[in-house]
């Protein structure tokens, strides 16, 4: 059942990998990106499920690509939500990673006076780095907070949030042109896993040698960033790596500083670049 207490609604995009149940609980409008495979285009989560997407890219050598929602897509979403709410907060993936924020801005401007009721926020993140901020905004609005209070807290979270994830193979990074074919081949032969971070852009943190070191390295990143009295919120982000996911969950839950934990699946946008098997942790201090 959606919350009706707040007069402020939330719009986001499907790059954020926000679980459907959270979007439904808070009445969040998720504007989908488009997925391009061969000559076909699919609307993320509407015309293609992430499980089917991963099957398609696993069984093919084609390069899957994404494109941001159009300004018109956002206009439609904004018009719909402005009929229900006095104001909107629209939170989106890093403007340096995607043109989604720019599309949202163009839609806001096209709406003229109505657009003045929309507050746009660049989360400087992607996947559940973005998703956790959307969730926090929804929780604050449900608790009676106003737009300025929410925007201030989201800005704080954006400055401290950490996203760390590890794809199981370099193949998809190579397909998307992120690394060279020789590097991918050599990396896969040597069983090297890239530990990646997000802060405006996706960047390499370090190389992990061997699958058995993935979970310890992720946990090392988490624990190394926290002070003894730091309370934190976390998300375990994964796809098709159940054993690693279970171990990460066990270790994260054992930390007495943990105040909240969300599970999320990697969506098609991130999946285009990292493939169907990936695990990560996203966290921020409270």
C-alpha atoms as a PDB file:
ATOM      1  CA  UNK A   1       0.000   0.000   0.000  1.00  0.00           C
ATOM      2  CA  UNK A   2       1.424   3.366  -1.069  1.00  0.00           C
ATOM      3  CA  UNK A   3       2.024   6.125   1.455  1.00  0.00           C
ATOM      4  CA  UNK A   4      -0.309   9.119   1.057  1.00  0.00           C
ATOM      5  CA  UNK A   5       0.901  11.232   3.977  1.00  0.00           C
ATOM      6  CA  UNK A   6       3.337  13.341   1.976  1.00  0.00           C
ATOM      7  CA  UNK A   7       2.276  15.957  -0.556  1.00  0.00           C
ATOM      8  CA  UNK A   8       5.654  15.442  -2.227  1.00  0.00           C
ATOM      9  CA  UNK A   9       6.189  12.644  -4.735  1.00  0.00           C
ATOM     10  CA  UNK A  10       9.353  10.972  -5.979  1.00  0.00           C
ATOM     11  CA  UNK A  11      10.510  10.245  -9.522  1.00  0.00           C
ATOM     12  CA  UNK A  12      13.654   8.291 -10.390  1.00  0.00           C
ATOM     13  CA  UNK A  13      15.044   6.150 -13.219  1.00  0.00           C
ATOM     14  CA  UNK A  14      15.616   2.430 -13.641  1.00  0.00           C
ATOM     15  CA  UNK A  15      19.419   2.857 -13.565  1.00  0.00           C
ATOM     16  CA  UNK A  16      19.005   2.995  -9.780  1.00  0.00           C
ATOM     17  CA  UNK A  17      18.079  -0.720  -9.543  1.00  0.00           C
ATOM     18  CA  UNK A  18      15.514   0.167  -6.867  1.00  0.00           C
ATOM     19  CA  UNK A  19      13.631  -3.027  -5.901  1.00  0.00           C
ATOM     20  CA  UNK A  20      10.075  -3.008  -7.253  1.00  0.00           C
ATOM     21  CA  UNK A  21       8.590  -3.581  -3.812  1.00  0.00           C
ATOM     22  CA  UNK A  22      10.218  -0.391  -2.471  1.00  0.00           C
ATOM     23  CA  UNK A  23       8.976   1.650  -5.432  1.00  0.00           C
ATOM     24  CA  UNK A  24       5.466   0.264  -4.923  1.00  0.00           C
ATOM     25  CA  UNK A  25       5.499   0.827  -1.148  1.00  0.00           C
ATOM     26  CA  UNK A  26       6.280   4.529  -1.457  1.00  0.00           C
ATOM     27  CA  UNK A  27       4.512   5.241  -4.760  1.00  0.00           C
ATOM     28  CA  UNK A  28       7.795   6.088  -6.506  1.00  0.00           C
ATOM     29  CA  UNK A  29       7.597   6.656 -10.265  1.00  0.00           C
ATOM     30  CA  UNK A  30      10.479   4.872 -12.015  1.00  0.00           C
ATOM     31  CA  UNK A  31      11.173   6.113 -15.549  1.00  0.00           C
ATOM     32  CA  UNK A  32      12.766   3.253 -17.525  1.00  0.00           C
ATOM     33  CA  UNK A  33      15.856   3.386 -19.712  1.00  0.00           C
ATOM     34  CA  UNK A  34      15.886   1.651 -23.089  1.00  0.00           C
ATOM     35  CA  UNK A  35      17.871  -1.504 -23.780  1.00  0.00           C
ATOM     36  CA  UNK A  36      19.209  -2.147 -27.294  1.00  0.00           C
ATOM     37  CA  UNK A  37      20.124  -5.702 -28.341  1.00  0.00           C
ATOM     38  CA  UNK A  38      20.839  -6.354 -32.016  1.00  0.00           C
ATOM     39  CA  UNK A  39      18.208  -4.386 -33.913  1.00  0.00           C
ATOM     40  CA  UNK A  40      15.607  -4.546 -31.148  1.00  0.00           C
ATOM     41  CA  UNK A  41      14.865  -1.984 -28.456  1.00  0.00           C
ATOM     42  CA  UNK A  42      13.220  -2.873 -25.147  1.00  0.00           C
ATOM     43  CA  UNK A  43      11.856  -0.720 -22.349  1.00  0.00           C
ATOM     44  CA  UNK A  44      13.671  -1.757 -19.176  1.00  0.00           C
ATOM     45  CA  UNK A  45      11.513  -3.803 -16.763  1.00  0.00           C
ATOM     46  CA  UNK A  46       8.454  -3.229 -18.973  1.00  0.00           C
ATOM     47  CA  UNK A  47       9.271  -5.126 -22.159  1.00  0.00           C
ATOM     48  CA  UNK A  48      12.199  -7.153 -20.838  1.00  0.00           C
ATOM     49  CA  UNK A  49      12.930  -8.655 -17.426  1.00  0.00           C
ATOM     50  CA  UNK A  50      16.479  -8.562 -16.139  1.00  0.00           C
ATOM     51  CA  UNK A  51      16.635 -12.383 -16.011  1.00  0.00           C
ATOM     52  CA  UNK A  52      15.708 -12.592 -19.713  1.00  0.00           C
ATOM     53  CA  UNK A  53      18.174  -9.826 -20.540  1.00  0.00           C
ATOM     54  CA  UNK A  54      21.033 -11.726 -18.918  1.00  0.00           C
ATOM     55  CA  UNK A  55      20.094 -14.920 -20.777  1.00  0.00           C
ATOM     56  CA  UNK A  56      20.208 -13.027 -24.061  1.00  0.00           C
ATOM     57  CA  UNK A  57      23.639 -11.496 -23.512  1.00  0.00           C
ATOM     58  CA  UNK A  58      25.047 -14.749 -22.090  1.00  0.00           C
ATOM     59  CA  UNK A  59      24.141 -16.717 -25.190  1.00  0.00           C
ATOM     60  CA  UNK A  60      25.332 -14.131 -27.671  1.00  0.00           C
ATOM     61  CA  UNK A  61      28.412 -12.113 -28.583  1.00  0.00           C
ATOM     62  CA  UNK A  62      26.374  -9.007 -29.409  1.00  0.00           C
ATOM     63  CA  UNK A  63      26.961  -5.791 -27.527  1.00  0.00           C
ATOM     64  CA  UNK A  64      23.974  -4.713 -25.484  1.00  0.00           C
ATOM     65  CA  UNK A  65      23.591  -0.961 -25.106  1.00  0.00           C
ATOM     66  CA  UNK A  66      21.333   1.380 -23.192  1.00  0.00           C
ATOM     67  CA  UNK A  67      19.966   4.838 -23.859  1.00  0.00           C
ATOM     68  CA  UNK A  68      18.444   7.313 -21.444  1.00  0.00           C
ATOM     69  CA  UNK A  69      14.715   8.043 -21.293  1.00  0.00           C
ATOM     70  CA  UNK A  70      13.707  10.889 -23.586  1.00  0.00           C
ATOM     71  CA  UNK A  71      12.601  14.305 -22.261  1.00  0.00           C
ATOM     72  CA  UNK A  72       9.099  13.325 -23.404  1.00  0.00           C
ATOM     73  CA  UNK A  73       9.221  10.196 -21.216  1.00  0.00           C
ATOM     74  CA  UNK A  74       9.930  12.449 -18.253  1.00  0.00           C
ATOM     75  CA  UNK A  75       7.239  14.940 -19.234  1.00  0.00           C
ATOM     76  CA  UNK A  76       4.670  12.139 -19.198  1.00  0.00           C
ATOM     77  CA  UNK A  77       5.892  10.901 -15.809  1.00  0.00           C
ATOM     78  CA  UNK A  78       5.971  14.425 -14.340  1.00  0.00           C
ATOM     79  CA  UNK A  79       2.474  15.294 -15.584  1.00  0.00           C
ATOM     80  CA  UNK A  80       1.128  12.076 -14.074  1.00  0.00           C
ATOM     81  CA  UNK A  81       2.814  12.663 -10.708  1.00  0.00           C
ATOM     82  CA  UNK A  82       2.000  16.390 -10.540  1.00  0.00           C
ATOM     83  CA  UNK A  83      -1.685  15.459 -10.722  1.00  0.00           C
ATOM     84  CA  UNK A  84      -1.199  13.543  -7.451  1.00  0.00           C
ATOM     85  CA  UNK A  85       1.366  15.670  -5.600  1.00  0.00           C
ATOM     86  CA  UNK A  86       1.995  19.338  -4.885  1.00  0.00           C
ATOM     87  CA  UNK A  87       5.739  18.906  -5.483  1.00  0.00           C
ATOM     88  CA  UNK A  88       8.144  16.333  -6.867  1.00  0.00           C
ATOM     89  CA  UNK A  89      11.705  15.350  -6.011  1.00  0.00           C
ATOM     90  CA  UNK A  90      13.377  13.750  -9.020  1.00  0.00           C
ATOM     91  CA  UNK A  91      16.586  11.836  -8.240  1.00  0.00           C
ATOM     92  CA  UNK A  92      18.787  10.470 -10.988  1.00  0.00           C
ATOM     93  CA  UNK A  93      21.971   8.670 -11.958  1.00  0.00           C
ATOM     94  CA  UNK A  94      25.205  10.619 -12.271  1.00  0.00           C
ATOM     95  CA  UNK A  95      25.072  13.139 -15.109  1.00  0.00           C
ATOM     96  CA  UNK A  96      28.615  12.053 -16.007  1.00  0.00           C
ATOM     97  CA  UNK A  97      27.490   8.464 -16.543  1.00  0.00           C
ATOM     98  CA  UNK A  98      24.172   8.982 -18.291  1.00  0.00           C
ATOM     99  CA  UNK A  99      22.158  11.613 -20.123  1.00  0.00           C
ATOM    100  CA  UNK A 100      19.146  10.771 -17.944  1.00  0.00           C
ATOM    101  CA  UNK A 101      19.539  13.818 -15.688  1.00  0.00           C
ATOM    102  CA  UNK A 102      19.733  16.070 -18.767  1.00  0.00           C
ATOM    103  CA  UNK A 103      16.522  14.545 -20.164  1.00  0.00           C
ATOM    104  CA  UNK A 104      14.808  15.186 -16.824  1.00  0.00           C
ATOM    105  CA  UNK A 105      16.059  18.783 -16.819  1.00  0.00           C
ATOM    106  CA  UNK A 106      14.758  19.384 -20.352  1.00  0.00           C
ATOM    107  CA  UNK A 107      11.372  17.969 -19.341  1.00  0.00           C
ATOM    108  CA  UNK A 108      11.240  20.199 -16.252  1.00  0.00           C
ATOM    109  CA  UNK A 109      12.010  23.265 -18.354  1.00  0.00           C
ATOM    110  CA  UNK A 110       9.462  22.278 -21.007  1.00  0.00           C
ATOM    111  CA  UNK A 111       6.737  22.175 -18.348  1.00  0.00           C
ATOM    112  CA  UNK A 112       7.180  25.892 -17.652  1.00  0.00           C
ATOM    113  CA  UNK A 113       5.420  27.021 -14.481  1.00  0.00           C
ATOM    114  CA  UNK A 114       4.572  23.430 -13.558  1.00  0.00           C
ATOM    115  CA  UNK A 115       8.266  22.588 -13.743  1.00  0.00           C
ATOM    116  CA  UNK A 116       8.856  24.934 -10.816  1.00  0.00           C
ATOM    117  CA  UNK A 117       7.261  22.298  -8.607  1.00  0.00           C
ATOM    118  CA  UNK A 118      10.023  19.801  -9.433  1.00  0.00           C
ATOM    119  CA  UNK A 119      13.346  19.602  -7.571  1.00  0.00           C
ATOM    120  CA  UNK A 120      15.999  17.781  -9.593  1.00  0.00           C
ATOM    121  CA  UNK A 121      18.900  15.993  -7.875  1.00  0.00           C
ATOM    122  CA  UNK A 122      21.986  14.446  -9.464  1.00  0.00           C
ATOM    123  CA  UNK A 123      22.922  11.648  -7.034  1.00  0.00           C
ATOM    124  CA  UNK A 124      26.417  11.322  -8.611  1.00  0.00           C
ATOM    125  CA  UNK A 125      25.849   7.569  -8.334  1.00  0.00           C
ATOM    126  CA  UNK A 126      24.320   4.652 -10.237  1.00  0.00           C
ATOM    127  CA  UNK A 127      22.630   1.375  -9.341  1.00  0.00           C
ATOM    128  CA  UNK A 128      21.798   1.167  -5.637  1.00  0.00           C
ATOM    129  CA  UNK A 129      24.096   4.072  -4.803  1.00  0.00           C
ATOM    130  CA  UNK A 130      21.299   6.037  -6.411  1.00  0.00           C
ATOM    131  CA  UNK A 131      18.652   3.640  -5.117  1.00  0.00           C
ATOM    132  CA  UNK A 132      19.609   4.035  -1.455  1.00  0.00           C
ATOM    133  CA  UNK A 133      19.239   7.808  -1.771  1.00  0.00           C
ATOM    134  CA  UNK A 134      15.820   7.402  -3.363  1.00  0.00           C
ATOM    135  CA  UNK A 135      14.805   5.134  -0.475  1.00  0.00           C
ATOM    136  CA  UNK A 136      16.075   7.632   2.100  1.00  0.00           C
ATOM    137  CA  UNK A 137      14.161  10.451   0.423  1.00  0.00           C
ATOM    138  CA  UNK A 138      10.987   8.339   0.462  1.00  0.00           C
ATOM    139  CA  UNK A 139      11.405   7.480   4.137  1.00  0.00           C
ATOM    140  CA  UNK A 140      11.974  11.115   5.061  1.00  0.00           C
ATOM    141  CA  UNK A 141       8.929  12.293   3.109  1.00  0.00           C
ATOM    142  CA  UNK A 142       6.801   9.577   4.721  1.00  0.00           C
ATOM    143  CA  UNK A 143       8.008  10.899   8.079  1.00  0.00           C
ATOM    144  CA  UNK A 144       6.891  14.435   7.287  1.00  0.00           C
ATOM    145  CA  UNK A 145      10.119  16.051   6.037  1.00  0.00           C
ATOM    146  CA  UNK A 146       9.991  18.796   3.413  1.00  0.00           C
ATOM    147  CA  UNK A 147      11.832  19.201   0.121  1.00  0.00           C
ATOM    148  CA  UNK A 148      14.718  21.324   1.420  1.00  0.00           C
ATOM    149  CA  UNK A 149      15.361  18.968   4.334  1.00  0.00           C
ATOM    150  CA  UNK A 150      15.388  15.953   2.024  1.00  0.00           C
ATOM    151  CA  UNK A 151      17.634  17.667  -0.537  1.00  0.00           C
ATOM    152  CA  UNK A 152      20.123  18.607   2.189  1.00  0.00           C
ATOM    153  CA  UNK A 153      20.318  15.031   3.501  1.00  0.00           C
ATOM    154  CA  UNK A 154      20.655  13.575  -0.009  1.00  0.00           C
ATOM    155  CA  UNK A 155      23.526  15.973  -0.678  1.00  0.00           C
ATOM    156  CA  UNK A 156      25.210  14.755   2.521  1.00  0.00           C
ATOM    157  CA  UNK A 157      24.736  11.092   1.612  1.00  0.00           C
ATOM    158  CA  UNK A 158      26.037  11.736  -1.903  1.00  0.00           C
ATOM    159  CA  UNK A 159      29.272  13.051  -0.407  1.00  0.00           C
ATOM    160  CA  UNK A 160      29.900  10.002   1.814  1.00  0.00           C
ATOM    161  CA  UNK A 161      28.299   7.034   0.038  1.00  0.00           C
ATOM    162  CA  UNK A 162      30.553   4.241  -1.221  1.00  0.00           C
ATOM    163  CA  UNK A 163      29.772   1.816  -4.034  1.00  0.00           C
ATOM    164  CA  UNK A 164      32.006  -1.200  -4.581  1.00  0.00           C
ATOM    165  CA  UNK A 165      31.242  -4.072  -6.951  1.00  0.00           C
ATOM    166  CA  UNK A 166      33.060  -6.920  -8.667  1.00  0.00           C
ATOM    167  CA  UNK A 167      32.050  -8.493 -12.001  1.00  0.00           C
ATOM    168  CA  UNK A 168      32.842 -12.191 -12.311  1.00  0.00           C
ATOM    169  CA  UNK A 169      34.417 -11.736 -15.753  1.00  0.00           C
ATOM    170  CA  UNK A 170      36.068  -9.017 -17.823  1.00  0.00           C
ATOM    171  CA  UNK A 171      34.277 -10.174 -20.991  1.00  0.00           C
ATOM    172  CA  UNK A 172      31.426  -7.669 -20.846  1.00  0.00           C
ATOM    173  CA  UNK A 173      33.664  -4.721 -20.021  1.00  0.00           C
ATOM    174  CA  UNK A 174      35.610  -5.629 -23.143  1.00  0.00           C
ATOM    175  CA  UNK A 175      32.463  -6.000 -25.282  1.00  0.00           C
ATOM    176  CA  UNK A 176      31.365  -2.532 -24.265  1.00  0.00           C
ATOM    177  CA  UNK A 177      34.748  -1.051 -25.132  1.00  0.00           C
ATOM    178  CA  UNK A 178      35.732  -0.310 -21.525  1.00  0.00           C
ATOM    179  CA  UNK A 179      38.894  -2.397 -21.760  1.00  0.00           C
ATOM    180  CA  UNK A 180      40.846  -3.918 -24.664  1.00  0.00           C
ATOM    181  CA  UNK A 181      40.389  -7.474 -25.919  1.00  0.00           C
ATOM    182  CA  UNK A 182      43.948  -8.439 -24.953  1.00  0.00           C
ATOM    183  CA  UNK A 183      43.470  -7.115 -21.413  1.00  0.00           C
ATOM    184  CA  UNK A 184      40.203  -8.995 -21.044  1.00  0.00           C
ATOM    185  CA  UNK A 185      41.696 -12.219 -22.392  1.00  0.00           C
ATOM    186  CA  UNK A 186      44.738 -12.019 -20.142  1.00  0.00           C
ATOM    187  CA  UNK A 187      42.623 -10.999 -17.133  1.00  0.00           C
ATOM    188  CA  UNK A 188      40.237 -13.912 -17.584  1.00  0.00           C
ATOM    189  CA  UNK A 189      43.119 -16.375 -18.030  1.00  0.00           C
ATOM    190  CA  UNK A 190      44.754 -15.105 -14.825  1.00  0.00           C
ATOM    191  CA  UNK A 191      41.365 -15.061 -13.046  1.00  0.00           C
ATOM    192  CA  UNK A 192      41.590 -11.333 -12.290  1.00  0.00           C
ATOM    193  CA  UNK A 193      38.429  -9.639 -11.046  1.00  0.00           C
ATOM    194  CA  UNK A 194      38.145  -5.840 -11.213  1.00  0.00           C
ATOM    195  CA  UNK A 195      36.970  -4.129  -8.032  1.00  0.00           C
ATOM    196  CA  UNK A 196      35.067  -1.081  -9.260  1.00  0.00           C
ATOM    197  CA  UNK A 197      33.718   2.034  -7.545  1.00  0.00           C
ATOM    198  CA  UNK A 198      31.279   4.796  -8.481  1.00  0.00           C
ATOM    199  CA  UNK A 199      31.755   8.494  -7.765  1.00  0.00           C
ATOM    200  CA  UNK A 200      30.297  10.511 -10.661  1.00  0.00           C
ATOM    201  CA  UNK A 201      31.982   7.946 -12.950  1.00  0.00           C
ATOM    202  CA  UNK A 202      32.809   4.239 -12.699  1.00  0.00           C
ATOM    203  CA  UNK A 203      36.470   3.814 -11.784  1.00  0.00           C
ATOM    204  CA  UNK A 204      38.836   0.927 -10.942  1.00  0.00           C
ATOM    205  CA  UNK A 205      39.679   0.517  -7.248  1.00  0.00           C
ATOM    206  CA  UNK A 206      41.984  -2.504  -7.464  1.00  0.00           C
ATOM    207  CA  UNK A 207      42.493  -5.867  -9.161  1.00  0.00           C
ATOM    208  CA  UNK A 208      41.518  -8.994  -7.247  1.00  0.00           C
ATOM    209  CA  UNK A 209      43.345 -12.221  -8.006  1.00  0.00           C
ATOM    210  CA  UNK A 210      41.037 -15.219  -7.760  1.00  0.00           C
ATOM    211  CA  UNK A 211      37.368 -15.627  -6.947  1.00  0.00           C
ATOM    212  CA  UNK A 212      37.993 -16.635  -3.335  1.00  0.00           C
ATOM    213  CA  UNK A 213      39.336 -13.156  -2.590  1.00  0.00           C
ATOM    214  CA  UNK A 214      36.282 -11.250  -3.840  1.00  0.00           C
ATOM    215  CA  UNK A 215      34.212 -11.331  -0.644  1.00  0.00           C
ATOM    216  CA  UNK A 216      37.157 -10.557   1.696  1.00  0.00           C
ATOM    217  CA  UNK A 217      38.173  -7.602  -0.485  1.00  0.00           C
ATOM    218  CA  UNK A 218      34.634  -6.183  -0.557  1.00  0.00           C
ATOM    219  CA  UNK A 219      34.385  -6.480   3.225  1.00  0.00           C
ATOM    220  CA  UNK A 220      37.828  -4.923   3.587  1.00  0.00           C
ATOM    221  CA  UNK A 221      36.593  -1.908   1.614  1.00  0.00           C
ATOM    222  CA  UNK A 222      33.548  -1.571   3.868  1.00  0.00           C
ATOM    223  CA  UNK A 223      35.344  -2.000   7.185  1.00  0.00           C
ATOM    224  CA  UNK A 224      38.320   0.114   6.179  1.00  0.00           C
ATOM    225  CA  UNK A 225      36.090   3.116   5.510  1.00  0.00           C
ATOM    226  CA  UNK A 226      34.232   3.024   8.845  1.00  0.00           C
ATOM    227  CA  UNK A 227      35.260   4.472  12.185  1.00  0.00           C
ATOM    228  CA  UNK A 228      34.522   2.495  15.382  1.00  0.00           C
ATOM    229  CA  UNK A 229      31.387   4.522  16.175  1.00  0.00           C
ATOM    230  CA  UNK A 230      30.079   4.930  12.605  1.00  0.00           C
ATOM    231  CA  UNK A 231      26.494   3.738  12.239  1.00  0.00           C
ATOM    232  CA  UNK A 232      25.787   2.849   8.624  1.00  0.00           C
ATOM    233  CA  UNK A 233      23.131   1.821   6.114  1.00  0.00           C
ATOM    234  CA  UNK A 234      24.038  -0.791   3.499  1.00  0.00           C
ATOM    235  CA  UNK A 235      22.839  -2.580   0.396  1.00  0.00           C
ATOM    236  CA  UNK A 236      24.025  -5.918  -0.944  1.00  0.00           C
ATOM    237  CA  UNK A 237      23.852  -5.773  -4.725  1.00  0.00           C
ATOM    238  CA  UNK A 238      24.201  -9.023  -6.626  1.00  0.00           C
ATOM    239  CA  UNK A 239      23.267 -11.195  -9.556  1.00  0.00           C
ATOM    240  CA  UNK A 240      23.718 -14.965  -9.920  1.00  0.00           C
ATOM    241  CA  UNK A 241      26.335 -15.252  -7.159  1.00  0.00           C
ATOM    242  CA  UNK A 242      24.317 -16.831  -4.316  1.00  0.00           C
ATOM    243  CA  UNK A 243      27.194 -18.223  -2.236  1.00  0.00           C
ATOM    244  CA  UNK A 244      29.117 -14.952  -2.234  1.00  0.00           C
ATOM    245  CA  UNK A 245      25.922 -13.013  -1.512  1.00  0.00           C
ATOM    246  CA  UNK A 246      25.112 -15.208   1.494  1.00  0.00           C
ATOM    247  CA  UNK A 247      28.617 -14.778   2.902  1.00  0.00           C
ATOM    248  CA  UNK A 248      28.581 -10.999   2.457  1.00  0.00           C
ATOM    249  CA  UNK A 249      25.164 -10.822   4.132  1.00  0.00           C
ATOM    250  CA  UNK A 250      26.359 -12.910   7.072  1.00  0.00           C
ATOM    251  CA  UNK A 251      29.429 -10.723   7.598  1.00  0.00           C
ATOM    252  CA  UNK A 252      27.641  -7.388   7.146  1.00  0.00           C
ATOM    253  CA  UNK A 253      24.819  -8.377   9.503  1.00  0.00           C
ATOM    254  CA  UNK A 254      27.389  -9.325  12.146  1.00  0.00           C
ATOM    255  CA  UNK A 255      28.613  -5.716  12.276  1.00  0.00           C
ATOM    256  CA  UNK A 256      26.955  -4.023  15.276  1.00  0.00           C
ATOM    257  CA  UNK A 257      27.202  -0.657  13.520  1.00  0.00           C
ATOM    258  CA  UNK A 258      24.738  -1.744  10.825  1.00  0.00           C
ATOM    259  CA  UNK A 259      21.387   0.061  11.133  1.00  0.00           C
ATOM    260  CA  UNK A 260      19.652  -1.097   7.956  1.00  0.00           C
ATOM    261  CA  UNK A 261      20.219  -3.544   5.093  1.00  0.00           C
ATOM    262  CA  UNK A 262      18.630  -3.707   1.637  1.00  0.00           C
ATOM    263  CA  UNK A 263      19.026  -6.421  -0.980  1.00  0.00           C
ATOM    264  CA  UNK A 264      18.907  -5.527  -4.670  1.00  0.00           C
ATOM    265  CA  UNK A 265      19.542  -7.196  -8.001  1.00  0.00           C
ATOM    266  CA  UNK A 266      21.798  -5.735 -10.663  1.00  0.00           C
ATOM    267  CA  UNK A 267      19.645  -4.343 -13.447  1.00  0.00           C
ATOM    268  CA  UNK A 268      20.108  -4.256 -17.190  1.00  0.00           C
ATOM    269  CA  UNK A 269      21.904  -0.901 -17.379  1.00  0.00           C
ATOM    270  CA  UNK A 270      24.789  -1.947 -15.142  1.00  0.00           C
ATOM    271  CA  UNK A 271      24.482  -5.506 -16.442  1.00  0.00           C
ATOM    272  CA  UNK A 272      25.292  -4.336 -19.985  1.00  0.00           C
ATOM    273  CA  UNK A 273      28.800  -3.499 -18.784  1.00  0.00           C
ATOM    274  CA  UNK A 274      29.490  -6.110 -16.105  1.00  0.00           C
ATOM    275  CA  UNK A 275      27.529  -9.149 -17.266  1.00  0.00           C
ATOM    276  CA  UNK A 276      25.131 -11.530 -15.510  1.00  0.00           C
ATOM    277  CA  UNK A 277      27.354 -12.385 -12.521  1.00  0.00           C
ATOM    278  CA  UNK A 278      28.345  -9.600 -10.133  1.00  0.00           C
ATOM    279  CA  UNK A 279      28.391  -8.791  -6.446  1.00  0.00           C
ATOM    280  CA  UNK A 280      28.766  -5.525  -4.593  1.00  0.00           C
ATOM    281  CA  UNK A 281      28.186  -3.526  -1.430  1.00  0.00           C
ATOM    282  CA  UNK A 282      26.920   0.041  -1.182  1.00  0.00           C
ATOM    283  CA  UNK A 283      26.936   1.875   2.132  1.00  0.00           C
ATOM    284  CA  UNK A 284      26.785   5.283   3.770  1.00  0.00           C
ATOM    285  CA  UNK A 285      27.263   6.560   7.297  1.00  0.00           C
ATOM    286  CA  UNK A 286      24.280   7.958   9.183  1.00  0.00           C
END
